[in-house]
Amino acid sequence: MQILEITDPKFKKYGRIVDNVDFAPLVEAMDSTPLPEGVAYEPSIAELEATSSMAEIQAKCYGELPIQIGYCNGHNVMLNAVEYHRSSEINVAATDAVLMLGCQQDITDDFTYDTSLMEAFKVPKGVAVELYATTLHYAPCSYNNEGFKVAIVLPRGTNYPLEKEHGGREDNLITATNKWLIGHAEGGLDAGAHIGLVGKNLNLNE
């Protein structure tokens, strides 16, 4: 799969490079987070939220809305699923990482999505990108199979267990608070996940 740079014009429909925040303290704090063989996601980590980057991100990127900072770390080269939120997500690369991205507008009326529409972008260590609310994404991928560490910033309360039953149309995609997900049949997802990705389960190395 071709990997593009985030400076490529093709990235502009998915997000932007965030250049008005000092992310160095957050990147440094990410050094102490684990790097598992699989993929680990934690929505909120106190040590990351204690950095000076937290207040800057909340003020400048979310207009003072309450936010959370967690991480998604590990080793991954597969797509497996796509998700979207009703809000932007900021990814801060503590190592080089690759993001596979698509557009919510390309989801069909029956909530399927063709994986051939996805594009991959390298995010260099120390760089942060805002992924717009309409950008399909999932776990980052390893660059050169070396593993990845990415800080994940979202509005406070995102990606937590649901309190109500959901079903029908787009509601079938809701798998956590502020999270809509479409899975691939080969993605190894939990039972009950909406399987709607058509085409190959993308592999970054192919």
N, C-alpha and C. Protein backbone atom coordinates (compact mmCIF):
# COMPACT_ATOMS: atom_id res chain seq x y z
N MET A 1 0.85 -1.19 0.00
CA MET A 1 0.00 0.00 0.00
C MET A 1 0.88 1.24 0.00
N GLN A 2 0.60 2.17 -0.88
CA GLN A 2 1.39 3.40 -0.95
C GLN A 2 1.18 4.26 0.30
N ILE A 3 2.28 4.77 0.84
CA ILE A 3 2.22 5.64 2.01
C ILE A 3 2.58 7.06 1.58
N LEU A 4 1.66 7.99 1.76
CA LEU A 4 1.86 9.38 1.39
C LEU A 4 2.33 10.18 2.60
N GLU A 5 2.91 11.35 2.33
CA GLU A 5 3.29 12.27 3.40
C GLU A 5 2.08 13.12 3.80
N ILE A 6 2.04 13.57 5.05
CA ILE A 6 0.92 14.41 5.47
C ILE A 6 0.99 15.80 4.85
N THR A 7 2.10 16.12 4.21
CA THR A 7 2.18 17.38 3.47
C THR A 7 1.58 17.25 2.07
N ASP A 8 1.21 16.03 1.68
CA ASP A 8 0.59 15.82 0.37
C ASP A 8 -0.79 16.49 0.35
N PRO A 9 -1.15 17.16 -0.74
CA PRO A 9 -2.47 17.80 -0.83
C PRO A 9 -3.64 16.85 -0.58
N LYS A 10 -3.44 15.57 -0.82
CA LYS A 10 -4.51 14.59 -0.60
C LYS A 10 -4.92 14.49 0.87
N PHE A 11 -4.04 14.93 1.78
CA PHE A 11 -4.36 14.85 3.20
C PHE A 11 -5.38 15.90 3.63
N LYS A 12 -5.49 16.99 2.88
CA LYS A 12 -6.28 18.13 3.31
C LYS A 12 -7.75 17.81 3.54
N LYS A 13 -8.30 16.82 2.83
CA LYS A 13 -9.71 16.50 3.05
C LYS A 13 -9.93 15.68 4.31
N TYR A 14 -8.87 15.14 4.85
CA TYR A 14 -8.97 14.33 6.06
C TYR A 14 -8.64 15.10 7.33
N GLY A 15 -7.75 16.08 7.23
CA GLY A 15 -7.32 16.77 8.44
C GLY A 15 -6.29 17.83 8.16
N ARG A 16 -5.58 18.22 9.22
CA ARG A 16 -4.56 19.27 9.11
C ARG A 16 -3.45 18.99 10.10
N ILE A 17 -2.30 19.55 9.83
CA ILE A 17 -1.19 19.51 10.77
C ILE A 17 -1.43 20.60 11.82
N VAL A 18 -1.33 20.22 13.10
CA VAL A 18 -1.54 21.18 14.19
C VAL A 18 -0.18 21.77 14.56
N ASP A 19 -0.01 23.08 14.32
CA ASP A 19 1.30 23.70 14.50
C ASP A 19 1.29 24.86 15.49
N ASN A 20 0.21 25.02 16.25
CA ASN A 20 0.13 26.14 17.19
C ASN A 20 0.13 25.69 18.65
N VAL A 21 0.58 24.47 18.89
CA VAL A 21 0.65 23.91 20.24
C VAL A 21 2.03 23.29 20.44
N ASP A 22 2.58 23.43 21.66
CA ASP A 22 3.85 22.77 22.00
C ASP A 22 3.54 21.35 22.47
N PHE A 23 3.76 20.39 21.60
CA PHE A 23 3.46 19.00 21.92
C PHE A 23 4.65 18.27 22.55
N ALA A 24 5.80 18.94 22.67
CA ALA A 24 7.00 18.27 23.18
C ALA A 24 6.79 17.63 24.55
N PRO A 25 6.15 18.32 25.52
CA PRO A 25 5.94 17.68 26.83
C PRO A 25 5.09 16.41 26.74
N LEU A 26 4.09 16.42 25.86
CA LEU A 26 3.25 15.24 25.69
C LEU A 26 4.01 14.10 25.04
N VAL A 27 4.80 14.41 24.03
CA VAL A 27 5.61 13.38 23.36
C VAL A 27 6.59 12.77 24.36
N GLU A 28 7.18 13.60 25.19
CA GLU A 28 8.13 13.09 26.20
C GLU A 28 7.42 12.18 27.20
N ALA A 29 6.22 12.57 27.62
CA ALA A 29 5.47 11.75 28.58
C ALA A 29 5.06 10.42 27.98
N MET A 30 4.89 10.39 26.67
CA MET A 30 4.50 9.14 26.00
C MET A 30 5.61 8.09 26.05
N ASP A 31 6.84 8.52 26.32
CA ASP A 31 7.96 7.56 26.40
C ASP A 31 7.72 6.49 27.45
N SER A 32 7.01 6.83 28.51
CA SER A 32 6.81 5.90 29.62
C SER A 32 5.60 4.99 29.42
N THR A 33 4.87 5.17 28.32
CA THR A 33 3.72 4.31 28.06
C THR A 33 4.18 3.01 27.42
N PRO A 34 3.42 1.93 27.57
CA PRO A 34 3.85 0.62 27.08
C PRO A 34 3.80 0.51 25.56
N LEU A 35 4.57 -0.45 25.03
CA LEU A 35 4.56 -0.76 23.60
C LEU A 35 4.29 -2.26 23.45
N PRO A 36 3.02 -2.66 23.44
CA PRO A 36 2.70 -4.10 23.39
C PRO A 36 2.90 -4.68 22.01
N GLU A 37 2.91 -6.01 21.95
CA GLU A 37 3.02 -6.70 20.66
C GLU A 37 1.74 -6.53 19.85
N GLY A 38 0.60 -6.48 20.53
CA GLY A 38 -0.67 -6.21 19.85
C GLY A 38 -0.94 -4.72 19.83
N VAL A 39 -2.20 -4.34 20.02
CA VAL A 39 -2.59 -2.93 20.05
C VAL A 39 -3.34 -2.66 21.35
N ALA A 40 -2.92 -1.61 22.06
CA ALA A 40 -3.57 -1.22 23.31
C ALA A 40 -4.08 0.21 23.19
N TYR A 41 -5.34 0.42 23.60
CA TYR A 41 -5.91 1.77 23.61
C TYR A 41 -6.41 2.10 25.00
N GLU A 42 -6.04 3.28 25.48
CA GLU A 42 -6.54 3.80 26.75
C GLU A 42 -7.06 5.21 26.50
N PRO A 43 -8.31 5.50 26.82
CA PRO A 43 -8.88 6.81 26.47
C PRO A 43 -8.37 7.98 27.31
N SER A 44 -7.96 7.71 28.55
CA SER A 44 -7.56 8.81 29.43
C SER A 44 -6.46 8.35 30.37
N ILE A 45 -5.32 9.03 30.31
CA ILE A 45 -4.16 8.71 31.15
C ILE A 45 -3.75 9.96 31.92
N ALA A 46 -3.76 9.86 33.25
CA ALA A 46 -3.51 11.04 34.10
C ALA A 46 -2.15 11.68 33.81
N GLU A 47 -1.13 10.86 33.59
CA GLU A 47 0.21 11.40 33.36
C GLU A 47 0.28 12.23 32.08
N LEU A 48 -0.46 11.83 31.07
CA LEU A 48 -0.48 12.58 29.82
C LEU A 48 -1.28 13.87 29.98
N GLU A 49 -2.37 13.79 30.74
CA GLU A 49 -3.21 14.97 30.95
C GLU A 49 -2.60 15.96 31.91
N ALA A 50 -1.54 15.55 32.62
CA ALA A 50 -0.84 16.46 33.53
C ALA A 50 0.20 17.31 32.82
N THR A 51 0.46 17.05 31.55
CA THR A 51 1.46 17.83 30.81
C THR A 51 0.91 19.20 30.45
N SER A 52 1.82 20.13 30.20
CA SER A 52 1.40 21.49 29.81
C SER A 52 0.72 21.50 28.44
N SER A 53 0.94 20.46 27.66
CA SER A 53 0.28 20.38 26.34
C SER A 53 -1.23 20.31 26.49
N MET A 54 -1.71 19.69 27.56
CA MET A 54 -3.14 19.48 27.77
C MET A 54 -3.92 20.80 27.73
N ALA A 55 -3.49 21.79 28.48
CA ALA A 55 -4.22 23.07 28.54
C ALA A 55 -4.18 23.78 27.20
N GLU A 56 -3.05 23.70 26.51
CA GLU A 56 -2.95 24.33 25.19
C GLU A 56 -3.89 23.69 24.19
N ILE A 57 -3.92 22.36 24.18
CA ILE A 57 -4.80 21.66 23.23
C ILE A 57 -6.26 22.00 23.52
N GLN A 58 -6.62 21.99 24.79
CA GLN A 58 -8.01 22.25 25.15
C GLN A 58 -8.42 23.66 24.75
N ALA A 59 -7.54 24.62 24.96
CA ALA A 59 -7.87 26.01 24.65
C ALA A 59 -7.86 26.29 23.15
N LYS A 60 -6.81 25.83 22.47
CA LYS A 60 -6.61 26.23 21.07
C LYS A 60 -7.28 25.30 20.05
N CYS A 61 -7.42 24.04 20.39
CA CYS A 61 -7.95 23.08 19.41
C CYS A 61 -9.41 22.71 19.65
N TYR A 62 -9.87 22.83 20.89
CA TYR A 62 -11.24 22.45 21.21
C TYR A 62 -12.05 23.60 21.79
N GLY A 63 -11.52 24.82 21.70
CA GLY A 63 -12.28 25.98 22.15
C GLY A 63 -12.73 25.89 23.59
N GLU A 64 -11.88 25.29 24.45
CA GLU A 64 -12.07 25.16 25.89
C GLU A 64 -13.05 24.05 26.29
N LEU A 65 -13.52 23.24 25.33
CA LEU A 65 -14.31 22.07 25.70
C LEU A 65 -13.46 21.10 26.52
N PRO A 66 -14.04 20.39 27.47
CA PRO A 66 -13.28 19.39 28.22
C PRO A 66 -12.77 18.30 27.29
N ILE A 67 -11.51 17.91 27.46
CA ILE A 67 -10.91 16.89 26.61
C ILE A 67 -10.27 15.79 27.46
N GLN A 68 -9.89 14.73 26.80
CA GLN A 68 -9.14 13.64 27.42
C GLN A 68 -7.96 13.31 26.53
N ILE A 69 -6.87 12.86 27.15
CA ILE A 69 -5.70 12.41 26.39
C ILE A 69 -5.36 10.99 26.84
N GLY A 70 -5.36 10.10 25.88
CA GLY A 70 -4.95 8.73 26.11
C GLY A 70 -3.92 8.33 25.09
N TYR A 71 -3.84 7.03 24.82
CA TYR A 71 -2.87 6.58 23.82
C TYR A 71 -3.40 5.36 23.07
N CYS A 72 -2.85 5.15 21.89
CA CYS A 72 -3.01 3.91 21.15
C CYS A 72 -1.60 3.49 20.74
N ASN A 73 -1.12 2.42 21.32
CA ASN A 73 0.26 1.95 21.12
C ASN A 73 0.27 0.50 20.68
N GLY A 74 1.34 0.10 20.00
CA GLY A 74 1.51 -1.31 19.69
C GLY A 74 2.12 -1.57 18.34
N HIS A 75 1.76 -2.72 17.78
CA HIS A 75 2.24 -3.15 16.48
C HIS A 75 1.03 -3.53 15.64
N ASN A 76 0.91 -2.97 14.45
CA ASN A 76 -0.25 -3.22 13.61
C ASN A 76 0.07 -2.86 12.17
N VAL A 77 -0.42 -3.65 11.23
CA VAL A 77 -0.28 -3.32 9.80
C VAL A 77 -1.62 -3.48 9.07
N MET A 78 -2.70 -3.84 9.82
CA MET A 78 -3.99 -4.13 9.20
C MET A 78 -5.01 -3.02 9.45
N LEU A 79 -6.02 -2.96 8.58
CA LEU A 79 -7.10 -1.99 8.75
C LEU A 79 -8.11 -2.48 9.79
N ASN A 80 -8.73 -3.64 9.57
CA ASN A 80 -9.66 -4.33 10.47
C ASN A 80 -11.02 -3.64 10.61
N ALA A 81 -11.06 -2.31 10.69
CA ALA A 81 -12.31 -1.59 10.86
C ALA A 81 -12.06 -0.11 10.56
N VAL A 82 -13.15 0.65 10.48
CA VAL A 82 -13.04 2.11 10.46
C VAL A 82 -14.04 2.65 11.48
N GLU A 83 -13.71 3.81 12.03
CA GLU A 83 -14.60 4.46 12.99
C GLU A 83 -14.62 5.95 12.71
N TYR A 84 -15.64 6.59 13.26
CA TYR A 84 -15.70 8.06 13.20
C TYR A 84 -16.39 8.56 14.46
N HIS A 85 -16.24 9.86 14.72
CA HIS A 85 -16.82 10.49 15.89
C HIS A 85 -17.62 11.72 15.45
N ARG A 86 -18.33 12.33 16.35
CA ARG A 86 -19.01 13.59 16.06
C ARG A 86 -18.12 14.77 16.45
N SER A 87 -16.83 14.55 16.35
CA SER A 87 -15.86 15.56 16.78
C SER A 87 -14.52 15.23 16.14
N SER A 88 -13.66 16.24 16.06
CA SER A 88 -12.30 16.00 15.60
C SER A 88 -11.53 15.18 16.64
N GLU A 89 -10.55 14.45 16.13
CA GLU A 89 -9.61 13.70 16.98
C GLU A 89 -8.21 14.18 16.65
N ILE A 90 -7.41 14.43 17.66
CA ILE A 90 -6.02 14.83 17.44
C ILE A 90 -5.11 13.65 17.77
N ASN A 91 -4.25 13.31 16.83
CA ASN A 91 -3.25 12.26 17.00
C ASN A 91 -1.88 12.91 17.10
N VAL A 92 -1.15 12.59 18.15
CA VAL A 92 0.20 13.13 18.36
C VAL A 92 1.17 11.96 18.28
N ALA A 93 2.01 11.96 17.27
CA ALA A 93 2.91 10.84 17.04
C ALA A 93 4.12 10.92 17.97
N ALA A 94 4.23 9.96 18.88
CA ALA A 94 5.41 9.88 19.75
C ALA A 94 6.49 9.01 19.11
N THR A 95 6.12 8.31 18.04
CA THR A 95 7.04 7.61 17.15
C THR A 95 6.51 7.85 15.74
N ASP A 96 7.27 7.53 14.73
CA ASP A 96 6.70 7.52 13.39
C ASP A 96 5.51 6.56 13.38
N ALA A 97 4.46 6.94 12.68
CA ALA A 97 3.26 6.10 12.60
C ALA A 97 2.58 6.33 11.26
N VAL A 98 1.72 5.40 10.89
CA VAL A 98 0.98 5.51 9.64
C VAL A 98 -0.51 5.45 9.96
N LEU A 99 -1.28 6.35 9.35
CA LEU A 99 -2.73 6.37 9.50
C LEU A 99 -3.39 5.99 8.18
N MET A 100 -4.32 5.02 8.22
CA MET A 100 -5.16 4.72 7.06
C MET A 100 -6.45 5.52 7.21
N LEU A 101 -6.79 6.33 6.20
CA LEU A 101 -7.89 7.28 6.32
C LEU A 101 -8.86 7.18 5.16
N GLY A 102 -10.11 7.49 5.44
CA GLY A 102 -11.15 7.55 4.41
C GLY A 102 -12.15 8.64 4.77
N CYS A 103 -13.22 8.76 3.98
CA CYS A 103 -14.22 9.81 4.16
C CYS A 103 -15.58 9.22 4.51
N GLN A 104 -16.21 9.75 5.53
CA GLN A 104 -17.54 9.31 5.93
C GLN A 104 -18.53 9.47 4.77
N GLN A 105 -18.31 10.47 3.94
CA GLN A 105 -19.22 10.73 2.83
C GLN A 105 -19.30 9.56 1.84
N ASP A 106 -18.32 8.68 1.87
CA ASP A 106 -18.29 7.54 0.95
C ASP A 106 -18.97 6.30 1.51
N ILE A 107 -19.50 6.37 2.73
CA ILE A 107 -20.28 5.27 3.27
C ILE A 107 -21.61 5.22 2.51
N THR A 108 -22.02 4.03 2.11
CA THR A 108 -23.24 3.89 1.32
C THR A 108 -24.49 4.01 2.20
N ASP A 109 -25.65 4.06 1.55
CA ASP A 109 -26.91 4.18 2.30
C ASP A 109 -27.19 2.97 3.16
N ASP A 110 -26.60 1.82 2.82
CA ASP A 110 -26.78 0.63 3.67
C ASP A 110 -25.58 0.41 4.58
N PHE A 111 -24.80 1.45 4.78
CA PHE A 111 -23.70 1.48 5.75
C PHE A 111 -22.62 0.45 5.46
N THR A 112 -22.24 0.40 4.18
CA THR A 112 -21.04 -0.33 3.78
C THR A 112 -20.02 0.68 3.27
N TYR A 113 -18.78 0.25 3.21
CA TYR A 113 -17.70 1.13 2.77
C TYR A 113 -16.66 0.29 2.05
N ASP A 114 -16.21 0.77 0.89
CA ASP A 114 -15.24 0.06 0.06
C ASP A 114 -13.83 0.42 0.52
N THR A 115 -13.10 -0.58 0.99
CA THR A 115 -11.77 -0.32 1.55
C THR A 115 -10.76 0.20 0.51
N SER A 116 -11.06 0.00 -0.77
CA SER A 116 -10.13 0.50 -1.80
C SER A 116 -10.06 2.02 -1.82
N LEU A 117 -10.98 2.69 -1.13
CA LEU A 117 -10.99 4.15 -1.09
C LEU A 117 -10.05 4.70 -0.02
N MET A 118 -9.54 3.84 0.85
CA MET A 118 -8.67 4.30 1.93
C MET A 118 -7.31 4.75 1.40
N GLU A 119 -6.71 5.72 2.07
CA GLU A 119 -5.36 6.19 1.75
C GLU A 119 -4.52 6.20 3.02
N ALA A 120 -3.21 5.97 2.88
CA ALA A 120 -2.31 5.88 4.03
C ALA A 120 -1.36 7.06 4.06
N PHE A 121 -1.12 7.60 5.27
CA PHE A 121 -0.25 8.76 5.44
C PHE A 121 0.70 8.52 6.61
N LYS A 122 1.95 8.89 6.42
CA LYS A 122 2.94 8.80 7.50
C LYS A 122 2.90 10.07 8.34
N VAL A 123 2.83 9.89 9.65
CA VAL A 123 2.92 11.00 10.59
C VAL A 123 4.26 10.88 11.31
N PRO A 124 5.19 11.80 11.08
CA PRO A 124 6.51 11.69 11.70
C PRO A 124 6.47 11.92 13.21
N LYS A 125 7.42 11.35 13.91
CA LYS A 125 7.53 11.53 15.36
C LYS A 125 7.54 13.02 15.71
N GLY A 126 6.76 13.39 16.71
CA GLY A 126 6.71 14.76 17.19
C GLY A 126 5.67 15.62 16.51
N VAL A 127 5.02 15.11 15.47
CA VAL A 127 4.04 15.87 14.70
C VAL A 127 2.63 15.48 15.16
N ALA A 128 1.73 16.46 15.20
CA ALA A 128 0.34 16.22 15.56
C ALA A 128 -0.56 16.56 14.38
N VAL A 129 -1.60 15.76 14.20
CA VAL A 129 -2.58 16.04 13.15
C VAL A 129 -3.98 16.02 13.75
N GLU A 130 -4.82 16.91 13.27
CA GLU A 130 -6.24 16.88 13.59
C GLU A 130 -6.95 16.09 12.51
N LEU A 131 -7.69 15.06 12.89
CA LEU A 131 -8.53 14.30 11.96
C LEU A 131 -9.95 14.82 12.11
N TYR A 132 -10.52 15.31 11.03
CA TYR A 132 -11.85 15.89 11.09
C TYR A 132 -12.91 14.85 11.46
N ALA A 133 -14.06 15.31 11.92
CA ALA A 133 -15.12 14.40 12.37
C ALA A 133 -15.59 13.47 11.28
N THR A 134 -15.47 13.88 10.03
CA THR A 134 -15.92 13.05 8.91
C THR A 134 -14.83 12.12 8.38
N THR A 135 -13.70 12.05 9.07
CA THR A 135 -12.59 11.20 8.62
C THR A 135 -12.69 9.81 9.26
N LEU A 136 -12.74 8.80 8.40
CA LEU A 136 -12.72 7.42 8.86
C LEU A 136 -11.30 7.03 9.22
N HIS A 137 -11.13 6.36 10.34
CA HIS A 137 -9.80 5.97 10.82
C HIS A 137 -9.98 4.78 11.75
N TYR A 138 -8.88 4.23 12.19
CA TYR A 138 -8.91 3.21 13.22
C TYR A 138 -7.54 3.20 13.88
N ALA A 139 -7.08 2.07 14.37
CA ALA A 139 -5.78 2.04 15.04
C ALA A 139 -4.67 2.44 14.07
N PRO A 140 -3.69 3.22 14.53
CA PRO A 140 -2.54 3.53 13.67
C PRO A 140 -1.80 2.26 13.27
N CYS A 141 -0.89 2.41 12.34
CA CYS A 141 -0.07 1.29 11.88
C CYS A 141 1.41 1.59 12.13
N SER A 142 2.17 0.52 12.23
CA SER A 142 3.61 0.64 12.43
C SER A 142 4.28 1.11 11.14
N TYR A 143 5.27 1.97 11.28
CA TYR A 143 6.08 2.36 10.14
C TYR A 143 7.35 1.52 10.17
N ASN A 144 7.61 0.79 9.11
CA ASN A 144 8.76 -0.14 9.05
C ASN A 144 8.68 -1.21 10.14
N ASN A 145 7.46 -1.56 10.55
CA ASN A 145 7.23 -2.65 11.51
C ASN A 145 7.92 -2.45 12.85
N GLU A 146 8.19 -1.21 13.21
CA GLU A 146 8.92 -0.94 14.46
C GLU A 146 8.00 -0.64 15.64
N GLY A 147 6.69 -0.73 15.44
CA GLY A 147 5.76 -0.38 16.51
C GLY A 147 5.47 1.10 16.51
N PHE A 148 4.39 1.47 17.18
CA PHE A 148 3.99 2.88 17.19
C PHE A 148 3.48 3.27 18.58
N LYS A 149 3.63 4.56 18.88
CA LYS A 149 3.04 5.17 20.06
C LYS A 149 2.39 6.48 19.61
N VAL A 150 1.09 6.60 19.79
CA VAL A 150 0.35 7.77 19.35
C VAL A 150 -0.57 8.23 20.48
N ALA A 151 -0.43 9.49 20.91
CA ALA A 151 -1.35 10.06 21.88
C ALA A 151 -2.65 10.41 21.17
N ILE A 152 -3.77 10.10 21.80
CA ILE A 152 -5.09 10.30 21.21
C ILE A 152 -5.86 11.31 22.05
N VAL A 153 -6.26 12.42 21.41
CA VAL A 153 -7.00 13.48 22.09
C VAL A 153 -8.42 13.53 21.54
N LEU A 154 -9.39 13.49 22.44
CA LEU A 154 -10.80 13.53 22.06
C LEU A 154 -11.59 14.28 23.14
N PRO A 155 -12.81 14.71 22.84
CA PRO A 155 -13.64 15.31 23.88
C PRO A 155 -13.82 14.35 25.05
N ARG A 156 -13.85 14.89 26.25
CA ARG A 156 -13.98 14.10 27.46
C ARG A 156 -15.23 13.22 27.40
N GLY A 157 -15.04 11.94 27.68
CA GLY A 157 -16.15 11.00 27.70
C GLY A 157 -16.27 10.13 26.47
N THR A 158 -15.39 10.31 25.50
CA THR A 158 -15.44 9.53 24.27
C THR A 158 -14.84 8.13 24.48
N ASN A 159 -15.41 7.16 23.80
CA ASN A 159 -14.91 5.77 23.78
C ASN A 159 -15.08 5.03 25.10
N TYR A 160 -16.18 5.33 25.79
CA TYR A 160 -16.51 4.62 27.03
C TYR A 160 -17.76 3.76 26.81
N PRO A 161 -18.03 2.81 27.71
CA PRO A 161 -19.18 1.92 27.54
C PRO A 161 -20.51 2.67 27.43
N LEU A 162 -21.39 2.13 26.61
CA LEU A 162 -22.70 2.73 26.41
C LEU A 162 -23.63 2.42 27.58
N GLU A 163 -24.59 3.31 27.81
CA GLU A 163 -25.56 3.11 28.87
C GLU A 163 -26.92 2.67 28.34
N LYS A 164 -27.15 2.81 27.02
CA LYS A 164 -28.44 2.49 26.44
C LYS A 164 -28.27 1.51 25.29
N GLU A 165 -29.37 0.86 24.92
CA GLU A 165 -29.38 -0.02 23.75
C GLU A 165 -29.50 0.83 22.48
N HIS A 166 -28.81 0.41 21.44
CA HIS A 166 -28.87 1.13 20.17
C HIS A 166 -29.14 0.14 19.05
N GLY A 167 -29.97 0.56 18.10
CA GLY A 167 -30.26 -0.31 16.97
C GLY A 167 -31.04 0.42 15.90
N GLY A 168 -30.83 0.02 14.65
CA GLY A 168 -31.54 0.63 13.53
C GLY A 168 -30.72 1.68 12.82
N ARG A 169 -30.54 1.47 11.52
CA ARG A 169 -29.82 2.41 10.68
C ARG A 169 -28.43 2.73 11.27
N GLU A 170 -28.07 4.00 11.36
CA GLU A 170 -26.73 4.36 11.83
C GLU A 170 -26.50 3.96 13.29
N ASP A 171 -27.59 3.85 14.05
CA ASP A 171 -27.43 3.43 15.45
C ASP A 171 -26.77 2.07 15.57
N ASN A 172 -26.89 1.23 14.55
CA ASN A 172 -26.25 -0.09 14.59
C ASN A 172 -24.73 0.02 14.65
N LEU A 173 -24.19 1.18 14.27
CA LEU A 173 -22.75 1.36 14.22
C LEU A 173 -22.17 1.83 15.55
N ILE A 174 -23.02 2.24 16.48
CA ILE A 174 -22.53 2.80 17.74
C ILE A 174 -22.01 1.68 18.63
N THR A 175 -20.73 1.73 18.96
CA THR A 175 -20.13 0.69 19.80
C THR A 175 -19.60 1.22 21.12
N ALA A 176 -19.50 2.54 21.26
CA ALA A 176 -19.05 3.18 22.50
C ALA A 176 -19.52 4.63 22.43
N THR A 177 -19.34 5.36 23.50
CA THR A 177 -19.79 6.76 23.49
C THR A 177 -19.03 7.54 22.43
N ASN A 178 -19.79 8.26 21.60
CA ASN A 178 -19.22 9.09 20.54
C ASN A 178 -18.35 8.27 19.58
N LYS A 179 -18.76 7.02 19.32
CA LYS A 179 -17.98 6.16 18.43
C LYS A 179 -18.90 5.33 17.54
N TRP A 180 -18.76 5.51 16.24
CA TRP A 180 -19.48 4.74 15.24
C TRP A 180 -18.46 3.89 14.48
N LEU A 181 -18.71 2.59 14.32
CA LEU A 181 -17.71 1.67 13.80
C LEU A 181 -18.29 0.78 12.71
N ILE A 182 -17.50 0.57 11.66
CA ILE A 182 -17.82 -0.39 10.61
C ILE A 182 -16.65 -1.37 10.53
N GLY A 183 -16.93 -2.64 10.70
CA GLY A 183 -15.86 -3.62 10.77
C GLY A 183 -15.71 -4.42 9.49
N HIS A 184 -14.57 -5.11 9.40
CA HIS A 184 -14.31 -6.04 8.31
C HIS A 184 -14.53 -7.46 8.83
N ALA A 185 -15.05 -8.34 7.96
CA ALA A 185 -15.32 -9.72 8.37
C ALA A 185 -14.08 -10.43 8.87
N GLU A 186 -12.89 -10.00 8.41
CA GLU A 186 -11.64 -10.62 8.83
C GLU A 186 -10.93 -9.80 9.91
N GLY A 187 -11.65 -8.86 10.52
CA GLY A 187 -11.02 -7.95 11.47
C GLY A 187 -10.94 -8.44 12.89
N GLY A 188 -11.56 -9.58 13.19
CA GLY A 188 -11.49 -10.12 14.54
C GLY A 188 -12.21 -9.29 15.57
N LEU A 189 -13.32 -8.64 15.19
CA LEU A 189 -14.04 -7.76 16.09
C LEU A 189 -14.98 -8.54 17.00
N ASP A 190 -15.46 -7.86 18.04
CA ASP A 190 -16.39 -8.48 18.97
C ASP A 190 -17.70 -8.80 18.27
N ALA A 191 -18.38 -9.82 18.75
CA ALA A 191 -19.70 -10.16 18.22
C ALA A 191 -20.64 -8.97 18.39
N GLY A 192 -21.44 -8.71 17.38
CA GLY A 192 -22.36 -7.58 17.44
C GLY A 192 -21.86 -6.36 16.71
N ALA A 193 -20.59 -6.33 16.36
CA ALA A 193 -20.06 -5.20 15.59
C ALA A 193 -20.67 -5.21 14.20
N HIS A 194 -20.96 -4.04 13.67
CA HIS A 194 -21.52 -3.94 12.32
C HIS A 194 -20.42 -4.25 11.31
N ILE A 195 -20.61 -5.31 10.52
CA ILE A 195 -19.64 -5.71 9.50
C ILE A 195 -20.09 -5.12 8.16
N GLY A 196 -19.38 -4.11 7.70
CA GLY A 196 -19.79 -3.43 6.49
C GLY A 196 -18.65 -3.02 5.58
N LEU A 197 -17.42 -3.37 5.93
CA LEU A 197 -16.30 -3.07 5.04
C LEU A 197 -16.27 -4.11 3.93
N VAL A 198 -16.29 -3.65 2.69
CA VAL A 198 -16.23 -4.55 1.54
C VAL A 198 -14.90 -4.37 0.84
N GLY A 199 -14.40 -5.44 0.26
CA GLY A 199 -13.08 -5.43 -0.33
C GLY A 199 -12.06 -6.02 0.64
N LYS A 200 -10.80 -5.84 0.34
CA LYS A 200 -9.73 -6.44 1.15
C LYS A 200 -9.64 -5.80 2.53
N ASN A 201 -9.26 -6.60 3.51
CA ASN A 201 -8.84 -6.06 4.79
C ASN A 201 -7.41 -5.58 4.58
N LEU A 202 -7.24 -4.29 4.41
CA LEU A 202 -5.97 -3.73 3.93
C LEU A 202 -4.81 -4.08 4.82
N ASN A 203 -3.69 -4.39 4.20
CA ASN A 203 -2.42 -4.67 4.88
C ASN A 203 -1.41 -3.65 4.41
N LEU A 204 -0.85 -2.91 5.34
CA LEU A 204 0.08 -1.83 4.98
C LEU A 204 1.28 -2.34 4.20
N ASN A 205 1.63 -3.60 4.38
CA ASN A 205 2.81 -4.15 3.72
C ASN A 205 2.52 -4.71 2.33
N GLU A 206 1.29 -4.59 1.88
CA GLU A 206 0.94 -5.13 0.55
C GLU A 206 0.62 -4.00 -0.43
